[in-house]
């Protein structure tokens, strides 16, 4: 692929903007589950400034790794071991999340980090694992390397803003983080199936549909709606009864 940079005349035709638009839309769609995973990792740092630093520095490293992946993609796709490692990593991340201690305040699992430097490598490697899937799709759509590099650049920028949005949404919606990590698991399983038998890999539209349904569930309940009004009423009634008894006994 490196020779394409040297030999390419960067031919620009009418179909080039259309291909670029498809790549950008593809990156945005495939970045949704990636963004929520990165947001959840960053959210493991309780300080808001540290979360921003983790996303910024982590995605700088991720960008370098993604560009390297694109430049060496024709070599990497020959080795199924890379996709196997990516699949196992994503599945490990999901397992680590769902076996983590449940956050008592938000009533869901949560990754926890003591240091900024614990989160940064995870953000970079997580994006790289997701890129194994998206880069392969991009190469199948576009022949021009510079177009794929540009699409990857836009993808990382989009990912940065999406991750920041998801950090806020994760605090607002009860099921969103669980839904996000289930989609991460789906991507891991898809990579694993590709290693075992590429003919069994589910089509892209099916993955997008499954992710859309999971995200609909993720956005279905706000954290403020998670309190059961009946439980609150019962507690209030019990407290009122106690107060009444105390008044009667004191009189």
C-alpha atoms as a PDB file:
ATOM      1  CA  UNK A   1       0.000   0.000   0.000  1.00  0.00           C
ATOM      2  CA  UNK A   2       2.913   2.331   0.540  1.00  0.00           C
ATOM      3  CA  UNK A   3       3.715   2.222  -3.159  1.00  0.00           C
ATOM      4  CA  UNK A   4       0.218   3.549  -3.874  1.00  0.00           C
ATOM      5  CA  UNK A   5       1.145   6.816  -2.165  1.00  0.00           C
ATOM      6  CA  UNK A   6       4.212   7.249  -4.349  1.00  0.00           C
ATOM      7  CA  UNK A   7       2.656   6.123  -7.620  1.00  0.00           C
ATOM      8  CA  UNK A   8      -0.809   7.566  -7.146  1.00  0.00           C
ATOM      9  CA  UNK A   9      -1.614  10.654  -9.191  1.00  0.00           C
ATOM     10  CA  UNK A  10      -4.506  11.370  -6.794  1.00  0.00           C
ATOM     11  CA  UNK A  11      -6.950  11.147  -9.661  1.00  0.00           C
ATOM     12  CA  UNK A  12     -10.102  13.068  -8.904  1.00  0.00           C
ATOM     13  CA  UNK A  13     -13.291  12.039 -10.629  1.00  0.00           C
ATOM     14  CA  UNK A  14     -16.975  12.627 -10.096  1.00  0.00           C
ATOM     15  CA  UNK A  15     -17.264   9.440  -8.050  1.00  0.00           C
ATOM     16  CA  UNK A  16     -14.543  10.538  -5.591  1.00  0.00           C
ATOM     17  CA  UNK A  17     -16.786  12.853  -3.498  1.00  0.00           C
ATOM     18  CA  UNK A  18     -19.459  10.141  -3.405  1.00  0.00           C
ATOM     19  CA  UNK A  19     -16.975   7.504  -2.201  1.00  0.00           C
ATOM     20  CA  UNK A  20     -15.626   9.932   0.397  1.00  0.00           C
ATOM     21  CA  UNK A  21     -19.170  10.650   1.620  1.00  0.00           C
ATOM     22  CA  UNK A  22     -19.834   6.896   1.914  1.00  0.00           C
ATOM     23  CA  UNK A  23     -16.600   6.460   3.889  1.00  0.00           C
ATOM     24  CA  UNK A  24     -17.501   9.297   6.258  1.00  0.00           C
ATOM     25  CA  UNK A  25     -21.023   7.929   6.844  1.00  0.00           C
ATOM     26  CA  UNK A  26     -19.570   4.452   7.323  1.00  0.00           C
ATOM     27  CA  UNK A  27     -17.044   5.741   9.856  1.00  0.00           C
ATOM     28  CA  UNK A  28     -19.788   7.595  11.737  1.00  0.00           C
ATOM     29  CA  UNK A  29     -22.073   4.541  11.886  1.00  0.00           C
ATOM     30  CA  UNK A  30     -19.312   2.121  12.845  1.00  0.00           C
ATOM     31  CA  UNK A  31     -17.918   4.616  15.376  1.00  0.00           C
ATOM     32  CA  UNK A  32     -21.028   4.630  17.578  1.00  0.00           C
ATOM     33  CA  UNK A  33     -20.181   1.460  19.506  1.00  0.00           C
ATOM     34  CA  UNK A  34     -16.494   2.395  19.445  1.00  0.00           C
ATOM     35  CA  UNK A  35     -17.283   5.827  20.896  1.00  0.00           C
ATOM     36  CA  UNK A  36     -19.368   4.440  23.745  1.00  0.00           C
ATOM     37  CA  UNK A  37     -16.589   2.001  24.671  1.00  0.00           C
ATOM     38  CA  UNK A  38     -14.014   4.813  24.699  1.00  0.00           C
ATOM     39  CA  UNK A  39     -16.394   7.025  26.694  1.00  0.00           C
ATOM     40  CA  UNK A  40     -16.904   4.264  29.255  1.00  0.00           C
ATOM     41  CA  UNK A  41     -13.135   3.775  29.570  1.00  0.00           C
ATOM     42  CA  UNK A  42     -12.586   7.517  30.035  1.00  0.00           C
ATOM     43  CA  UNK A  43     -15.449   7.653  32.527  1.00  0.00           C
ATOM     44  CA  UNK A  44     -13.474   5.230  34.699  1.00  0.00           C
ATOM     45  CA  UNK A  45     -11.516   8.331  35.707  1.00  0.00           C
ATOM     46  CA  UNK A  46     -13.678  10.323  38.101  1.00  0.00           C
ATOM     47  CA  UNK A  47     -12.078  13.701  37.374  1.00  0.00           C
ATOM     48  CA  UNK A  48     -13.638  15.456  34.353  1.00  0.00           C
ATOM     49  CA  UNK A  49     -10.325  17.017  33.281  1.00  0.00           C
ATOM     50  CA  UNK A  50      -8.595  13.639  33.402  1.00  0.00           C
ATOM     51  CA  UNK A  51     -11.369  12.217  31.215  1.00  0.00           C
ATOM     52  CA  UNK A  52     -10.685  14.910  28.604  1.00  0.00           C
ATOM     53  CA  UNK A  53      -6.934  14.316  28.771  1.00  0.00           C
ATOM     54  CA  UNK A  54      -7.451  10.558  28.444  1.00  0.00           C
ATOM     55  CA  UNK A  55      -9.624  10.980  25.336  1.00  0.00           C
ATOM     56  CA  UNK A  56      -7.281  13.524  23.724  1.00  0.00           C
ATOM     57  CA  UNK A  57      -4.029  11.648  24.358  1.00  0.00           C
ATOM     58  CA  UNK A  58      -5.584   8.227  23.814  1.00  0.00           C
ATOM     59  CA  UNK A  59      -7.002   9.220  20.429  1.00  0.00           C
ATOM     60  CA  UNK A  60      -3.706  10.799  19.331  1.00  0.00           C
ATOM     61  CA  UNK A  61      -2.063   7.410  19.905  1.00  0.00           C
ATOM     62  CA  UNK A  62      -5.101   5.717  18.334  1.00  0.00           C
ATOM     63  CA  UNK A  63      -4.792   7.929  15.235  1.00  0.00           C
ATOM     64  CA  UNK A  64      -1.148   6.942  14.765  1.00  0.00           C
ATOM     65  CA  UNK A  65      -2.039   3.263  15.171  1.00  0.00           C
ATOM     66  CA  UNK A  66      -4.996   3.570  12.771  1.00  0.00           C
ATOM     67  CA  UNK A  67      -2.932   5.256  10.059  1.00  0.00           C
ATOM     68  CA  UNK A  68      -0.267   2.575  10.490  1.00  0.00           C
ATOM     69  CA  UNK A  69      -2.961  -0.081  10.159  1.00  0.00           C
ATOM     70  CA  UNK A  70      -4.272   1.462   6.930  1.00  0.00           C
ATOM     71  CA  UNK A  71      -0.775   1.717   5.415  1.00  0.00           C
ATOM     72  CA  UNK A  72       0.009  -1.908   6.239  1.00  0.00           C
ATOM     73  CA  UNK A  73      -3.521  -3.279   5.733  1.00  0.00           C
ATOM     74  CA  UNK A  74      -2.702  -5.339   2.634  1.00  0.00           C
ATOM     75  CA  UNK A  75      -0.016  -7.105   4.678  1.00  0.00           C
ATOM     76  CA  UNK A  76      -1.970  -7.402   7.934  1.00  0.00           C
ATOM     77  CA  UNK A  77      -5.101  -8.938   6.371  1.00  0.00           C
ATOM     78  CA  UNK A  78      -2.962 -11.909   5.301  1.00  0.00           C
ATOM     79  CA  UNK A  79      -2.523 -12.858   8.952  1.00  0.00           C
ATOM     80  CA  UNK A  80      -5.676 -14.028  10.730  1.00  0.00           C
ATOM     81  CA  UNK A  81      -3.822 -13.792  14.051  1.00  0.00           C
ATOM     82  CA  UNK A  82      -4.309  -9.999  14.116  1.00  0.00           C
ATOM     83  CA  UNK A  83      -8.092 -10.313  13.867  1.00  0.00           C
ATOM     84  CA  UNK A  84      -8.041 -13.092  16.479  1.00  0.00           C
ATOM     85  CA  UNK A  85      -6.134 -10.845  18.893  1.00  0.00           C
ATOM     86  CA  UNK A  86      -8.561  -7.995  18.198  1.00  0.00           C
ATOM     87  CA  UNK A  87     -11.568 -10.257  18.789  1.00  0.00           C
ATOM     88  CA  UNK A  88     -10.146 -11.686  22.023  1.00  0.00           C
ATOM     89  CA  UNK A  89      -9.286  -8.210  23.278  1.00  0.00           C
ATOM     90  CA  UNK A  90     -12.799  -6.853  22.666  1.00  0.00           C
ATOM     91  CA  UNK A  91     -14.385  -9.917  24.296  1.00  0.00           C
ATOM     92  CA  UNK A  92     -12.006  -9.549  27.257  1.00  0.00           C
ATOM     93  CA  UNK A  93     -13.028  -5.884  27.564  1.00  0.00           C
ATOM     94  CA  UNK A  94     -16.710  -6.876  27.646  1.00  0.00           C
ATOM     95  CA  UNK A  95     -16.041  -9.644  30.189  1.00  0.00           C
ATOM     96  CA  UNK A  96     -14.008  -7.251  32.330  1.00  0.00           C
ATOM     97  CA  UNK A  97     -16.864  -4.723  32.257  1.00  0.00           C
ATOM     98  CA  UNK A  98     -19.706  -7.084  33.139  1.00  0.00           C
ATOM     99  CA  UNK A  99     -17.697  -8.731  35.922  1.00  0.00           C
ATOM    100  CA  UNK A 100     -16.656  -5.383  37.404  1.00  0.00           C
ATOM    101  CA  UNK A 101     -18.194  -4.043  40.586  1.00  0.00           C
ATOM    102  CA  UNK A 102     -21.597  -2.441  40.086  1.00  0.00           C
ATOM    103  CA  UNK A 103     -21.805   1.306  40.561  1.00  0.00           C
ATOM    104  CA  UNK A 104     -24.241   1.780  43.454  1.00  0.00           C
ATOM    105  CA  UNK A 105     -25.132   5.315  42.393  1.00  0.00           C
ATOM    106  CA  UNK A 106     -25.991   4.537  38.754  1.00  0.00           C
ATOM    107  CA  UNK A 107     -26.861   0.830  39.231  1.00  0.00           C
ATOM    108  CA  UNK A 108     -24.647  -0.493  36.440  1.00  0.00           C
ATOM    109  CA  UNK A 109     -21.165  -1.900  36.073  1.00  0.00           C
ATOM    110  CA  UNK A 110     -18.256   0.494  35.684  1.00  0.00           C
ATOM    111  CA  UNK A 111     -14.574   0.297  34.791  1.00  0.00           C
ATOM    112  CA  UNK A 112     -12.404   2.061  37.364  1.00  0.00           C
ATOM    113  CA  UNK A 113      -8.909   3.540  36.929  1.00  0.00           C
ATOM    114  CA  UNK A 114      -6.567   5.045  39.477  1.00  0.00           C
ATOM    115  CA  UNK A 115      -4.338   6.789  36.934  1.00  0.00           C
ATOM    116  CA  UNK A 116      -4.621   8.604  33.601  1.00  0.00           C
ATOM    117  CA  UNK A 117      -1.942   6.317  32.167  1.00  0.00           C
ATOM    118  CA  UNK A 118      -4.072   3.258  32.813  1.00  0.00           C
ATOM    119  CA  UNK A 119      -6.866   4.582  30.592  1.00  0.00           C
ATOM    120  CA  UNK A 120      -4.814   5.933  27.658  1.00  0.00           C
ATOM    121  CA  UNK A 121      -3.435   2.552  26.416  1.00  0.00           C
ATOM    122  CA  UNK A 122      -6.901   0.987  26.679  1.00  0.00           C
ATOM    123  CA  UNK A 123      -8.434   3.801  24.591  1.00  0.00           C
ATOM    124  CA  UNK A 124      -5.759   3.446  21.897  1.00  0.00           C
ATOM    125  CA  UNK A 125      -5.878  -0.360  21.726  1.00  0.00           C
ATOM    126  CA  UNK A 126      -9.697  -0.431  21.778  1.00  0.00           C
ATOM    127  CA  UNK A 127      -9.846   1.896  18.760  1.00  0.00           C
ATOM    128  CA  UNK A 128      -7.238  -0.250  16.990  1.00  0.00           C
ATOM    129  CA  UNK A 129      -9.309  -3.397  17.588  1.00  0.00           C
ATOM    130  CA  UNK A 130     -12.415  -1.690  16.157  1.00  0.00           C
ATOM    131  CA  UNK A 131     -10.358  -0.413  13.213  1.00  0.00           C
ATOM    132  CA  UNK A 132      -9.598  -3.978  12.132  1.00  0.00           C
ATOM    133  CA  UNK A 133     -13.242  -4.189  11.092  1.00  0.00           C
ATOM    134  CA  UNK A 134     -13.792  -0.677   9.711  1.00  0.00           C
ATOM    135  CA  UNK A 135     -10.514  -0.472   7.736  1.00  0.00           C
ATOM    136  CA  UNK A 136     -11.252  -3.763   5.975  1.00  0.00           C
ATOM    137  CA  UNK A 137     -14.670  -2.395   4.956  1.00  0.00           C
ATOM    138  CA  UNK A 138     -13.143   0.904   3.783  1.00  0.00           C
ATOM    139  CA  UNK A 139     -10.584  -0.891   1.610  1.00  0.00           C
ATOM    140  CA  UNK A 140     -13.387  -2.879  -0.020  1.00  0.00           C
ATOM    141  CA  UNK A 141     -15.190   0.365  -0.946  1.00  0.00           C
ATOM    142  CA  UNK A 142     -12.324   2.645  -2.046  1.00  0.00           C
ATOM    143  CA  UNK A 143      -9.233   1.922  -4.113  1.00  0.00           C
ATOM    144  CA  UNK A 144      -7.401   5.201  -3.472  1.00  0.00           C
ATOM    145  CA  UNK A 145      -5.211   5.025  -0.392  1.00  0.00           C
ATOM    146  CA  UNK A 146      -5.273   8.784   0.209  1.00  0.00           C
ATOM    147  CA  UNK A 147      -9.081   8.635   0.329  1.00  0.00           C
ATOM    148  CA  UNK A 148      -9.017   5.873   2.945  1.00  0.00           C
ATOM    149  CA  UNK A 149      -6.472   7.844   5.002  1.00  0.00           C
ATOM    150  CA  UNK A 150      -8.654  10.947   4.791  1.00  0.00           C
ATOM    151  CA  UNK A 151     -11.733   8.936   5.768  1.00  0.00           C
ATOM    152  CA  UNK A 152      -9.837   7.467   8.724  1.00  0.00           C
ATOM    153  CA  UNK A 153      -8.803  10.960   9.823  1.00  0.00           C
ATOM    154  CA  UNK A 154     -12.391  12.182   9.716  1.00  0.00           C
ATOM    155  CA  UNK A 155     -13.387   9.026  11.582  1.00  0.00           C
ATOM    156  CA  UNK A 156     -11.031   9.741  14.498  1.00  0.00           C
ATOM    157  CA  UNK A 157     -12.202  13.369  14.715  1.00  0.00           C
ATOM    158  CA  UNK A 158     -15.846  12.212  14.689  1.00  0.00           C
ATOM    159  CA  UNK A 159     -14.985   9.626  17.316  1.00  0.00           C
ATOM    160  CA  UNK A 160     -13.553  12.294  19.623  1.00  0.00           C
ATOM    161  CA  UNK A 161     -16.748  14.369  19.596  1.00  0.00           C
ATOM    162  CA  UNK A 162     -19.011  11.318  19.842  1.00  0.00           C
ATOM    163  CA  UNK A 163     -17.060  10.004  22.848  1.00  0.00           C
ATOM    164  CA  UNK A 164     -17.474  13.345  24.639  1.00  0.00           C
ATOM    165  CA  UNK A 165     -21.227  13.255  23.978  1.00  0.00           C
ATOM    166  CA  UNK A 166     -21.470   9.695  25.236  1.00  0.00           C
ATOM    167  CA  UNK A 167     -19.707  10.580  28.497  1.00  0.00           C
ATOM    168  CA  UNK A 168     -22.622  12.927  29.250  1.00  0.00           C
ATOM    169  CA  UNK A 169     -25.229  10.458  28.000  1.00  0.00           C
ATOM    170  CA  UNK A 170     -23.793   7.603  30.071  1.00  0.00           C
ATOM    171  CA  UNK A 171     -24.625   9.568  33.210  1.00  0.00           C
ATOM    172  CA  UNK A 172     -28.101  10.379  31.924  1.00  0.00           C
ATOM    173  CA  UNK A 173     -29.327   7.018  30.567  1.00  0.00           C
ATOM    174  CA  UNK A 174     -29.434   3.920  32.753  1.00  0.00           C
ATOM    175  CA  UNK A 175     -29.012   1.160  30.140  1.00  0.00           C
ATOM    176  CA  UNK A 176     -26.735   2.953  27.669  1.00  0.00           C
ATOM    177  CA  UNK A 177     -23.402   1.687  28.978  1.00  0.00           C
ATOM    178  CA  UNK A 178     -24.633  -1.925  29.101  1.00  0.00           C
ATOM    179  CA  UNK A 179     -26.015  -1.589  25.567  1.00  0.00           C
ATOM    180  CA  UNK A 180     -22.713  -0.167  24.361  1.00  0.00           C
ATOM    181  CA  UNK A 181     -20.666  -3.036  25.758  1.00  0.00           C
ATOM    182  CA  UNK A 182     -23.055  -5.603  24.295  1.00  0.00           C
ATOM    183  CA  UNK A 183     -22.383  -4.039  20.871  1.00  0.00           C
ATOM    184  CA  UNK A 184     -18.644  -4.225  21.610  1.00  0.00           C
ATOM    185  CA  UNK A 185     -19.175  -7.931  22.241  1.00  0.00           C
ATOM    186  CA  UNK A 186     -20.999  -8.261  18.900  1.00  0.00           C
ATOM    187  CA  UNK A 187     -18.031  -6.698  17.079  1.00  0.00           C
ATOM    188  CA  UNK A 188     -15.678  -9.079  18.911  1.00  0.00           C
ATOM    189  CA  UNK A 189     -17.824 -12.084  17.961  1.00  0.00           C
ATOM    190  CA  UNK A 190     -17.963 -10.868  14.340  1.00  0.00           C
ATOM    191  CA  UNK A 191     -14.170 -10.678  14.179  1.00  0.00           C
ATOM    192  CA  UNK A 192     -13.917 -14.129  15.752  1.00  0.00           C
ATOM    193  CA  UNK A 193     -16.351 -15.597  13.194  1.00  0.00           C
ATOM    194  CA  UNK A 194     -14.305 -14.014  10.394  1.00  0.00           C
ATOM    195  CA  UNK A 195     -11.225 -15.834  11.685  1.00  0.00           C
ATOM    196  CA  UNK A 196     -13.043 -19.174  11.951  1.00  0.00           C
ATOM    197  CA  UNK A 197     -15.009 -18.993   8.700  1.00  0.00           C
ATOM    198  CA  UNK A 198     -15.339 -15.745   6.662  1.00  0.00           C
ATOM    199  CA  UNK A 199     -18.386 -17.142   4.864  1.00  0.00           C
ATOM    200  CA  UNK A 200     -20.334 -17.116   8.133  1.00  0.00           C
ATOM    201  CA  UNK A 201     -19.709 -13.418   8.875  1.00  0.00           C
ATOM    202  CA  UNK A 202     -23.079 -11.640   9.255  1.00  0.00           C
ATOM    203  CA  UNK A 203     -23.741  -8.883   6.684  1.00  0.00           C
ATOM    204  CA  UNK A 204     -23.058  -5.259   7.570  1.00  0.00           C
ATOM    205  CA  UNK A 205     -26.749  -4.291   7.482  1.00  0.00           C
ATOM    206  CA  UNK A 206     -27.543  -6.953  10.086  1.00  0.00           C
ATOM    207  CA  UNK A 207     -24.834  -5.647  12.431  1.00  0.00           C
ATOM    208  CA  UNK A 208     -26.034  -2.053  11.997  1.00  0.00           C
ATOM    209  CA  UNK A 209     -29.641  -3.118  12.655  1.00  0.00           C
ATOM    210  CA  UNK A 210     -28.637  -5.002  15.823  1.00  0.00           C
ATOM    211  CA  UNK A 211     -26.592  -2.041  17.057  1.00  0.00           C
ATOM    212  CA  UNK A 212     -29.505   0.339  16.328  1.00  0.00           C
ATOM    213  CA  UNK A 213     -31.899  -1.839  18.378  1.00  0.00           C
ATOM    214  CA  UNK A 214     -29.433  -2.045  21.265  1.00  0.00           C
ATOM    215  CA  UNK A 215     -28.985   1.719  21.247  1.00  0.00           C
ATOM    216  CA  UNK A 216     -32.754   2.207  21.245  1.00  0.00           C
ATOM    217  CA  UNK A 217     -32.844   0.121  24.420  1.00  0.00           C
ATOM    218  CA  UNK A 218     -29.853   2.048  25.778  1.00  0.00           C
ATOM    219  CA  UNK A 219     -31.668   5.372  25.384  1.00  0.00           C
ATOM    220  CA  UNK A 220     -35.001   3.992  26.637  1.00  0.00           C
ATOM    221  CA  UNK A 221     -34.665   5.024  30.284  1.00  0.00           C
ATOM    222  CA  UNK A 222     -33.222   8.100  31.906  1.00  0.00           C
ATOM    223  CA  UNK A 223     -31.426   7.722  35.220  1.00  0.00           C
ATOM    224  CA  UNK A 224     -34.005   9.995  36.882  1.00  0.00           C
ATOM    225  CA  UNK A 225     -36.778   7.638  35.708  1.00  0.00           C
ATOM    226  CA  UNK A 226     -35.172   4.641  37.388  1.00  0.00           C
ATOM    227  CA  UNK A 227     -36.729   5.443  40.782  1.00  0.00           C
ATOM    228  CA  UNK A 228     -39.955   3.566  41.362  1.00  0.00           C
ATOM    229  CA  UNK A 229     -42.642   6.030  42.527  1.00  0.00           C
ATOM    230  CA  UNK A 230     -44.457   3.250  44.422  1.00  0.00           C
ATOM    231  CA  UNK A 231     -41.366   2.481  46.477  1.00  0.00           C
ATOM    232  CA  UNK A 232     -40.937   6.137  47.330  1.00  0.00           C
ATOM    233  CA  UNK A 233     -44.600   6.417  48.342  1.00  0.00           C
ATOM    234  CA  UNK A 234     -44.365   3.364  50.616  1.00  0.00           C
ATOM    235  CA  UNK A 235     -41.241   4.727  52.307  1.00  0.00           C
ATOM    236  CA  UNK A 236     -42.897   8.094  52.769  1.00  0.00           C
ATOM    237  CA  UNK A 237     -45.998   6.462  54.254  1.00  0.00           C
ATOM    238  CA  UNK A 238     -43.935   4.384  56.675  1.00  0.00           C
ATOM    239  CA  UNK A 239     -42.025   7.475  57.792  1.00  0.00           C
ATOM    240  CA  UNK A 240     -45.275   9.391  58.234  1.00  0.00           C
ATOM    241  CA  UNK A 241     -46.742   6.553  60.330  1.00  0.00           C
ATOM    242  CA  UNK A 242     -43.630   6.497  62.531  1.00  0.00           C
ATOM    243  CA  UNK A 243     -43.845  10.229  63.080  1.00  0.00           C
ATOM    244  CA  UNK A 244     -47.530   9.923  64.004  1.00  0.00           C
ATOM    245  CA  UNK A 245     -46.771   7.158  66.545  1.00  0.00           C
ATOM    246  CA  UNK A 246     -43.985   9.229  68.075  1.00  0.00           C
ATOM    247  CA  UNK A 247     -46.345  12.198  68.455  1.00  0.00           C
ATOM    248  CA  UNK A 248     -49.022  10.033  70.099  1.00  0.00           C
ATOM    249  CA  UNK A 249     -46.552   8.387  72.504  1.00  0.00           C
ATOM    250  CA  UNK A 250     -44.994  11.728  73.464  1.00  0.00           C
ATOM    251  CA  UNK A 251     -48.404  13.217  74.219  1.00  0.00           C
END
